[in-house]
Amino acid sequence: MSDDIVRDSNGNQLADADSVTVIKDLKVKGTSETIKRGTLVKNIRLTGTSGEVECNTKQVKGLVLKTEFLKKA
């Protein structure tokens, strides 16, 4: 894993096990699901890529989200 600092849309630093809120409705590729704005996502995991985090939601497991659409809760 790299030593890059992962930041949310507001510039706050993210770490493993943080909780984040989705700031825009996001369609999930490969499914008919949409992650709605305001959804709280708990227990994120850093992927080693500075602009992405991995998480699970009620609808989708093993989801990778871009940090530009997240803010730290």
PDB file of N, CA and C in Angstrom:
ATOM      1  N   MET A   1       0.838  -1.177   0.000  1.00  0.00           N
ATOM      2  CA  MET A   1       0.000   0.000   0.000  1.00  0.00           C
ATOM      3  C   MET A   1       0.878   1.232   0.000  1.00  0.00           C
ATOM      4  N   SER A   2       0.447   2.251  -0.711  1.00  0.00           N
ATOM      5  CA  SER A   2       1.265   3.455  -0.823  1.00  0.00           C
ATOM      6  C   SER A   2       1.048   4.363   0.378  1.00  0.00           C
ATOM      7  N   ASP A   3       1.890   5.384   0.504  1.00  0.00           N
ATOM      8  CA  ASP A   3       1.810   6.324   1.611  1.00  0.00           C
ATOM      9  C   ASP A   3       1.046   7.589   1.234  1.00  0.00           C
ATOM     10  N   ASP A   4       0.301   7.561   0.112  1.00  0.00           N
ATOM     11  CA  ASP A   4      -0.469   8.724  -0.303  1.00  0.00           C
ATOM     12  C   ASP A   4      -1.544   9.033   0.738  1.00  0.00           C
ATOM     13  N   ILE A   5      -1.801  10.323   0.943  1.00  0.00           N
ATOM     14  CA  ILE A   5      -2.865  10.743   1.846  1.00  0.00           C
ATOM     15  C   ILE A   5      -4.164  10.774   1.049  1.00  0.00           C
ATOM     16  N   VAL A   6      -5.181  10.101   1.556  1.00  0.00           N
ATOM     17  CA  VAL A   6      -6.474  10.048   0.891  1.00  0.00           C
ATOM     18  C   VAL A   6      -7.356  11.119   1.516  1.00  0.00           C
ATOM     19  N   ARG A   7      -7.954  11.970   0.659  1.00  0.00           N
ATOM     20  CA  ARG A   7      -8.770  13.073   1.151  1.00  0.00           C
ATOM     21  C   ARG A   7     -10.164  13.016   0.533  1.00  0.00           C
ATOM     22  N   ASP A   8     -11.151  13.508   1.303  1.00  0.00           N
ATOM     23  CA  ASP A   8     -12.518  13.567   0.800  1.00  0.00           C
ATOM     24  C   ASP A   8     -12.728  14.819  -0.045  1.00  0.00           C
ATOM     25  N   SER A   9     -13.954  15.091  -0.447  1.00  0.00           N
ATOM     26  CA  SER A   9     -14.243  16.228  -1.322  1.00  0.00           C
ATOM     27  C   SER A   9     -13.960  17.572  -0.657  1.00  0.00           C
ATOM     28  N   ASN A  10     -13.933  17.618   0.677  1.00  0.00           N
ATOM     29  CA  ASN A  10     -13.657  18.856   1.405  1.00  0.00           C
ATOM     30  C   ASN A  10     -12.201  18.987   1.826  1.00  0.00           C
ATOM     31  N   GLY A  11     -11.369  17.998   1.503  1.00  0.00           N
ATOM     32  CA  GLY A  11      -9.958  18.047   1.851  1.00  0.00           C
ATOM     33  C   GLY A  11      -9.612  17.420   3.188  1.00  0.00           C
ATOM     34  N   ASN A  12     -10.583  16.799   3.844  1.00  0.00           N
ATOM     35  CA  ASN A  12     -10.313  16.118   5.116  1.00  0.00           C
ATOM     36  C   ASN A  12      -9.637  14.782   4.849  1.00  0.00           C
ATOM     37  N   GLN A  13      -8.667  14.443   5.686  1.00  0.00           N
ATOM     38  CA  GLN A  13      -7.943  13.190   5.512  1.00  0.00           C
ATOM     39  C   GLN A  13      -8.817  12.011   5.939  1.00  0.00           C
ATOM     40  N   LEU A  14      -8.811  10.952   5.128  1.00  0.00           N
ATOM     41  CA  LEU A  14      -9.570   9.737   5.424  1.00  0.00           C
ATOM     42  C   LEU A  14      -8.624   8.636   5.877  1.00  0.00           C
ATOM     43  N   ALA A  15      -9.116   7.766   6.749  1.00  0.00           N
ATOM     44  CA  ALA A  15      -8.339   6.631   7.240  1.00  0.00           C
ATOM     45  C   ALA A  15      -9.232   5.391   7.233  1.00  0.00           C
ATOM     46  N   ASP A  16      -8.607   4.221   7.373  1.00  0.00           N
ATOM     47  CA  ASP A  16      -9.373   2.980   7.475  1.00  0.00           C
ATOM     48  C   ASP A  16     -10.377   3.088   8.615  1.00  0.00           C
ATOM     49  N   ALA A  17     -11.566   2.534   8.420  1.00  0.00           N
ATOM     50  CA  ALA A  17     -12.639   2.457   9.410  1.00  0.00           C
ATOM     51  C   ALA A  17     -13.363   3.788   9.628  1.00  0.00           C
ATOM     52  N   ASP A  18     -13.071   4.818   8.852  1.00  0.00           N
ATOM     53  CA  ASP A  18     -13.834   6.073   8.934  1.00  0.00           C
ATOM     54  C   ASP A  18     -15.231   5.872   8.375  1.00  0.00           C
ATOM     55  N   SER A  19     -16.119   6.786   8.718  1.00  0.00           N
ATOM     56  CA  SER A  19     -17.455   6.830   8.132  1.00  0.00           C
ATOM     57  C   SER A  19     -17.526   8.042   7.211  1.00  0.00           C
ATOM     58  N   VAL A  20     -18.186   7.867   6.065  1.00  0.00           N
ATOM     59  CA  VAL A  20     -18.314   8.949   5.094  1.00  0.00           C
ATOM     60  C   VAL A  20     -19.762   9.042   4.634  1.00  0.00           C
ATOM     61  N   THR A  21     -20.108  10.219   4.094  1.00  0.00           N
ATOM     62  CA  THR A  21     -21.433  10.455   3.549  1.00  0.00           C
ATOM     63  C   THR A  21     -21.308  10.714   2.061  1.00  0.00           C
ATOM     64  N   VAL A  22     -22.207  10.127   1.273  1.00  0.00           N
ATOM     65  CA  VAL A  22     -22.216  10.325  -0.176  1.00  0.00           C
ATOM     66  C   VAL A  22     -22.853  11.688  -0.460  1.00  0.00           C
ATOM     67  N   ILE A  23     -22.214  12.513  -1.312  1.00  0.00           N
ATOM     68  CA  ILE A  23     -22.711  13.865  -1.572  1.00  0.00           C
ATOM     69  C   ILE A  23     -23.445  14.001  -2.902  1.00  0.00           C
ATOM     70  N   LYS A  24     -23.575  12.906  -3.652  1.00  0.00           N
ATOM     71  CA  LYS A  24     -24.243  12.931  -4.949  1.00  0.00           C
ATOM     72  C   LYS A  24     -24.832  11.551  -5.204  1.00  0.00           C
ATOM     73  N   ASP A  25     -26.012  11.490  -5.836  1.00  0.00           N
ATOM     74  CA  ASP A  25     -26.574  10.186  -6.218  1.00  0.00           C
ATOM     75  C   ASP A  25     -25.608   9.498  -7.174  1.00  0.00           C
ATOM     76  N   LEU A  26     -25.267   8.248  -6.886  1.00  0.00           N
ATOM     77  CA  LEU A  26     -24.314   7.509  -7.705  1.00  0.00           C
ATOM     78  C   LEU A  26     -24.950   6.230  -8.228  1.00  0.00           C
ATOM     79  N   LYS A  27     -24.938   6.050  -9.551  1.00  0.00           N
ATOM     80  CA  LYS A  27     -25.387   4.792 -10.142  1.00  0.00           C
ATOM     81  C   LYS A  27     -24.250   3.789 -10.024  1.00  0.00           C
ATOM     82  N   VAL A  28     -24.573   2.565  -9.650  1.00  0.00           N
ATOM     83  CA  VAL A  28     -23.572   1.517  -9.487  1.00  0.00           C
ATOM     84  C   VAL A  28     -23.490   0.719 -10.776  1.00  0.00           C
ATOM     85  N   LYS A  29     -22.311   0.709 -11.389  1.00  0.00           N
ATOM     86  CA  LYS A  29     -22.131  -0.016 -12.648  1.00  0.00           C
ATOM     87  C   LYS A  29     -22.394  -1.502 -12.443  1.00  0.00           C
ATOM     88  N   GLY A  30     -23.059  -2.103 -13.405  1.00  0.00           N
ATOM     89  CA  GLY A  30     -23.309  -3.539 -13.364  1.00  0.00           C
ATOM     90  C   GLY A  30     -24.534  -3.934 -12.560  1.00  0.00           C
ATOM     91  N   THR A  31     -25.201  -2.953 -11.937  1.00  0.00           N
ATOM     92  CA  THR A  31     -26.416  -3.250 -11.189  1.00  0.00           C
ATOM     93  C   THR A  31     -27.458  -2.177 -11.509  1.00  0.00           C
ATOM     94  N   SER A  32     -28.663  -2.370 -11.011  1.00  0.00           N
ATOM     95  CA  SER A  32     -29.703  -1.366 -11.185  1.00  0.00           C
ATOM     96  C   SER A  32     -29.788  -0.465  -9.959  1.00  0.00           C
ATOM     97  N   GLU A  33     -28.837  -0.604  -9.035  1.00  0.00           N
ATOM     98  CA  GLU A  33     -28.853   0.146  -7.779  1.00  0.00           C
ATOM     99  C   GLU A  33     -28.330   1.569  -7.956  1.00  0.00           C
ATOM    100  N   THR A  34     -28.843   2.480  -7.133  1.00  0.00           N
ATOM    101  CA  THR A  34     -28.333   3.840  -7.042  1.00  0.00           C
ATOM    102  C   THR A  34     -28.069   4.125  -5.569  1.00  0.00           C
ATOM    103  N   ILE A  35     -26.859   4.609  -5.259  1.00  0.00           N
ATOM    104  CA  ILE A  35     -26.534   5.024  -3.899  1.00  0.00           C
ATOM    105  C   ILE A  35     -27.001   6.474  -3.774  1.00  0.00           C
ATOM    106  N   LYS A  36     -27.951   6.733  -2.906  1.00  0.00           N
ATOM    107  CA  LYS A  36     -28.575   8.051  -2.801  1.00  0.00           C
ATOM    108  C   LYS A  36     -27.688   9.032  -2.035  1.00  0.00           C
ATOM    109  N   ARG A  37     -27.824  10.311  -2.398  1.00  0.00           N
ATOM    110  CA  ARG A  37     -27.128  11.389  -1.702  1.00  0.00           C
ATOM    111  C   ARG A  37     -27.520  11.357  -0.229  1.00  0.00           C
ATOM    112  N   GLY A  38     -26.543  11.524   0.669  1.00  0.00           N
ATOM    113  CA  GLY A  38     -26.811  11.514   2.094  1.00  0.00           C
ATOM    114  C   GLY A  38     -26.644  10.155   2.740  1.00  0.00           C
ATOM    115  N   THR A  39     -26.361   9.127   1.948  1.00  0.00           N
ATOM    116  CA  THR A  39     -26.169   7.778   2.492  1.00  0.00           C
ATOM    117  C   THR A  39     -24.898   7.739   3.327  1.00  0.00           C
ATOM    118  N   LEU A  40     -25.002   7.230   4.549  1.00  0.00           N
ATOM    119  CA  LEU A  40     -23.839   7.087   5.425  1.00  0.00           C
ATOM    120  C   LEU A  40     -23.191   5.737   5.151  1.00  0.00           C
ATOM    121  N   VAL A  41     -21.903   5.756   4.849  1.00  0.00           N
ATOM    122  CA  VAL A  41     -21.146   4.529   4.596  1.00  0.00           C
ATOM    123  C   VAL A  41     -20.132   4.397   5.715  1.00  0.00           C
ATOM    124  N   LYS A  42     -20.233   3.310   6.478  1.00  0.00           N
ATOM    125  CA  LYS A  42     -19.365   3.108   7.635  1.00  0.00           C
ATOM    126  C   LYS A  42     -18.234   2.148   7.296  1.00  0.00           C
ATOM    127  N   ASN A  43     -17.149   2.291   8.033  1.00  0.00           N
ATOM    128  CA  ASN A  43     -16.054   1.318   7.992  1.00  0.00           C
ATOM    129  C   ASN A  43     -15.415   1.195   6.610  1.00  0.00           C
ATOM    130  N   ILE A  44     -14.978   2.322   6.037  1.00  0.00           N
ATOM    131  CA  ILE A  44     -14.322   2.285   4.728  1.00  0.00           C
ATOM    132  C   ILE A  44     -12.935   1.667   4.845  1.00  0.00           C
ATOM    133  N   ARG A  45     -12.400   1.210   3.722  1.00  0.00           N
ATOM    134  CA  ARG A  45     -11.041   0.671   3.650  1.00  0.00           C
ATOM    135  C   ARG A  45     -10.300   1.411   2.543  1.00  0.00           C
ATOM    136  N   LEU A  46      -9.081   1.843   2.835  1.00  0.00           N
ATOM    137  CA  LEU A  46      -8.260   2.496   1.825  1.00  0.00           C
ATOM    138  C   LEU A  46      -7.750   1.440   0.855  1.00  0.00           C
ATOM    139  N   THR A  47      -7.692   1.778  -0.438  1.00  0.00           N
ATOM    140  CA  THR A  47      -7.316   0.804  -1.457  1.00  0.00           C
ATOM    141  C   THR A  47      -5.860   0.912  -1.876  1.00  0.00           C
ATOM    142  N   GLY A  48      -5.182   1.991  -1.478  1.00  0.00           N
ATOM    143  CA  GLY A  48      -3.832   2.219  -1.965  1.00  0.00           C
ATOM    144  C   GLY A  48      -3.816   3.170  -3.152  1.00  0.00           C
ATOM    145  N   THR A  49      -4.978   3.434  -3.719  1.00  0.00           N
ATOM    146  CA  THR A  49      -5.138   4.415  -4.787  1.00  0.00           C
ATOM    147  C   THR A  49      -5.681   5.680  -4.129  1.00  0.00           C
ATOM    148  N   SER A  50      -5.050   6.814  -4.378  1.00  0.00           N
ATOM    149  CA  SER A  50      -5.363   8.026  -3.622  1.00  0.00           C
ATOM    150  C   SER A  50      -6.794   8.532  -3.819  1.00  0.00           C
ATOM    151  N   GLY A  51      -7.444   8.245  -4.926  1.00  0.00           N
ATOM    152  CA  GLY A  51      -8.777   8.770  -5.169  1.00  0.00           C
ATOM    153  C   GLY A  51      -9.901   7.787  -4.944  1.00  0.00           C
ATOM    154  N   GLU A  52      -9.626   6.643  -4.302  1.00  0.00           N
ATOM    155  CA  GLU A  52     -10.647   5.613  -4.145  1.00  0.00           C
ATOM    156  C   GLU A  52     -10.631   5.000  -2.753  1.00  0.00           C
ATOM    157  N   VAL A  53     -11.814   4.590  -2.288  1.00  0.00           N
ATOM    158  CA  VAL A  53     -11.942   3.808  -1.062  1.00  0.00           C
ATOM    159  C   VAL A  53     -12.877   2.636  -1.344  1.00  0.00           C
ATOM    160  N   GLU A  54     -12.704   1.576  -0.598  1.00  0.00           N
ATOM    161  CA  GLU A  54     -13.558   0.398  -0.736  1.00  0.00           C
ATOM    162  C   GLU A  54     -14.510   0.359   0.456  1.00  0.00           C
ATOM    163  N   CYS A  55     -15.751  -0.060   0.213  1.00  0.00           N
ATOM    164  CA  CYS A  55     -16.732  -0.104   1.290  1.00  0.00           C
ATOM    165  C   CYS A  55     -17.847  -1.079   0.948  1.00  0.00           C
ATOM    166  N   ASN A  56     -18.712  -1.284   1.926  1.00  0.00           N
ATOM    167  CA  ASN A  56     -19.923  -2.079   1.733  1.00  0.00           C
ATOM    168  C   ASN A  56     -21.119  -1.200   2.075  1.00  0.00           C
ATOM    169  N   THR A  57     -22.177  -1.303   1.285  1.00  0.00           N
ATOM    170  CA  THR A  57     -23.441  -0.644   1.608  1.00  0.00           C
ATOM    171  C   THR A  57     -24.495  -1.728   1.770  1.00  0.00           C
ATOM    172  N   LYS A  58     -25.682  -1.327   2.180  1.00  0.00           N
ATOM    173  CA  LYS A  58     -26.770  -2.314   2.320  1.00  0.00           C
ATOM    174  C   LYS A  58     -27.066  -2.980   0.989  1.00  0.00           C
ATOM    175  N   GLN A  59     -26.954  -2.198  -0.118  1.00  0.00           N
ATOM    176  CA  GLN A  59     -27.314  -2.720  -1.438  1.00  0.00           C
ATOM    177  C   GLN A  59     -26.171  -3.490  -2.098  1.00  0.00           C
ATOM    178  N   VAL A  60     -24.930  -3.001  -1.958  1.00  0.00           N
ATOM    179  CA  VAL A  60     -23.808  -3.543  -2.721  1.00  0.00           C
ATOM    180  C   VAL A  60     -22.626  -3.816  -1.797  1.00  0.00           C
ATOM    181  N   LYS A  61     -22.027  -4.990  -1.921  1.00  0.00           N
ATOM    182  CA  LYS A  61     -20.841  -5.347  -1.140  1.00  0.00           C
ATOM    183  C   LYS A  61     -19.600  -5.195  -2.021  1.00  0.00           C
ATOM    184  N   GLY A  62     -18.474  -4.817  -1.433  1.00  0.00           N
ATOM    185  CA  GLY A  62     -17.228  -4.701  -2.180  1.00  0.00           C
ATOM    186  C   GLY A  62     -17.234  -3.554  -3.170  1.00  0.00           C
ATOM    187  N   LEU A  63     -17.845  -2.451  -2.806  1.00  0.00           N
ATOM    188  CA  LEU A  63     -17.999  -1.296  -3.682  1.00  0.00           C
ATOM    189  C   LEU A  63     -16.773  -0.392  -3.571  1.00  0.00           C
ATOM    190  N   VAL A  64     -16.279   0.108  -4.703  1.00  0.00           N
ATOM    191  CA  VAL A  64     -15.180   1.075  -4.710  1.00  0.00           C
ATOM    192  C   VAL A  64     -15.757   2.426  -5.101  1.00  0.00           C
ATOM    193  N   LEU A  65     -15.586   3.418  -4.228  1.00  0.00           N
ATOM    194  CA  LEU A  65     -16.121   4.750  -4.471  1.00  0.00           C
ATOM    195  C   LEU A  65     -14.996   5.754  -4.660  1.00  0.00           C
ATOM    196  N   LYS A  66     -15.205   6.740  -5.526  1.00  0.00           N
ATOM    197  CA  LYS A  66     -14.262   7.820  -5.705  1.00  0.00           C
ATOM    198  C   LYS A  66     -14.449   8.814  -4.564  1.00  0.00           C
ATOM    199  N   THR A  67     -13.336   9.298  -4.011  1.00  0.00           N
ATOM    200  CA  THR A  67     -13.402  10.184  -2.860  1.00  0.00           C
ATOM    201  C   THR A  67     -13.976  11.550  -3.193  1.00  0.00           C
ATOM    202  N   GLU A  68     -14.013  11.937  -4.459  1.00  0.00           N
ATOM    203  CA  GLU A  68     -14.586  13.233  -4.842  1.00  0.00           C
ATOM    204  C   GLU A  68     -16.092  13.295  -4.571  1.00  0.00           C
ATOM    205  N   PHE A  69     -16.736  12.146  -4.353  1.00  0.00           N
ATOM    206  CA  PHE A  69     -18.170  12.102  -4.088  1.00  0.00           C
ATOM    207  C   PHE A  69     -18.480  11.799  -2.608  1.00  0.00           C
ATOM    208  N   LEU A  70     -17.472  11.918  -1.749  1.00  0.00           N
ATOM    209  CA  LEU A  70     -17.631  11.581  -0.334  1.00  0.00           C
ATOM    210  C   LEU A  70     -17.211  12.746   0.547  1.00  0.00           C
ATOM    211  N   LYS A  71     -17.833  12.825   1.742  1.00  0.00           N
ATOM    212  CA  LYS A  71     -17.334  13.744   2.762  1.00  0.00           C
ATOM    213  C   LYS A  71     -17.301  12.988   4.075  1.00  0.00           C
ATOM    214  N   LYS A  72     -16.316  13.309   4.900  1.00  0.00           N
ATOM    215  CA  LYS A  72     -16.131  12.619   6.167  1.00  0.00           C
ATOM    216  C   LYS A  72     -17.286  12.944   7.101  1.00  0.00           C
ATOM    217  N   ALA A  73     -17.798  11.909   7.760  1.00  0.00           N
ATOM    218  CA  ALA A  73     -18.948  12.107   8.666  1.00  0.00           C
ATOM    219  C   ALA A  73     -18.473  12.448  10.063  1.00  0.00           C
TER     220      ALA A  73
END
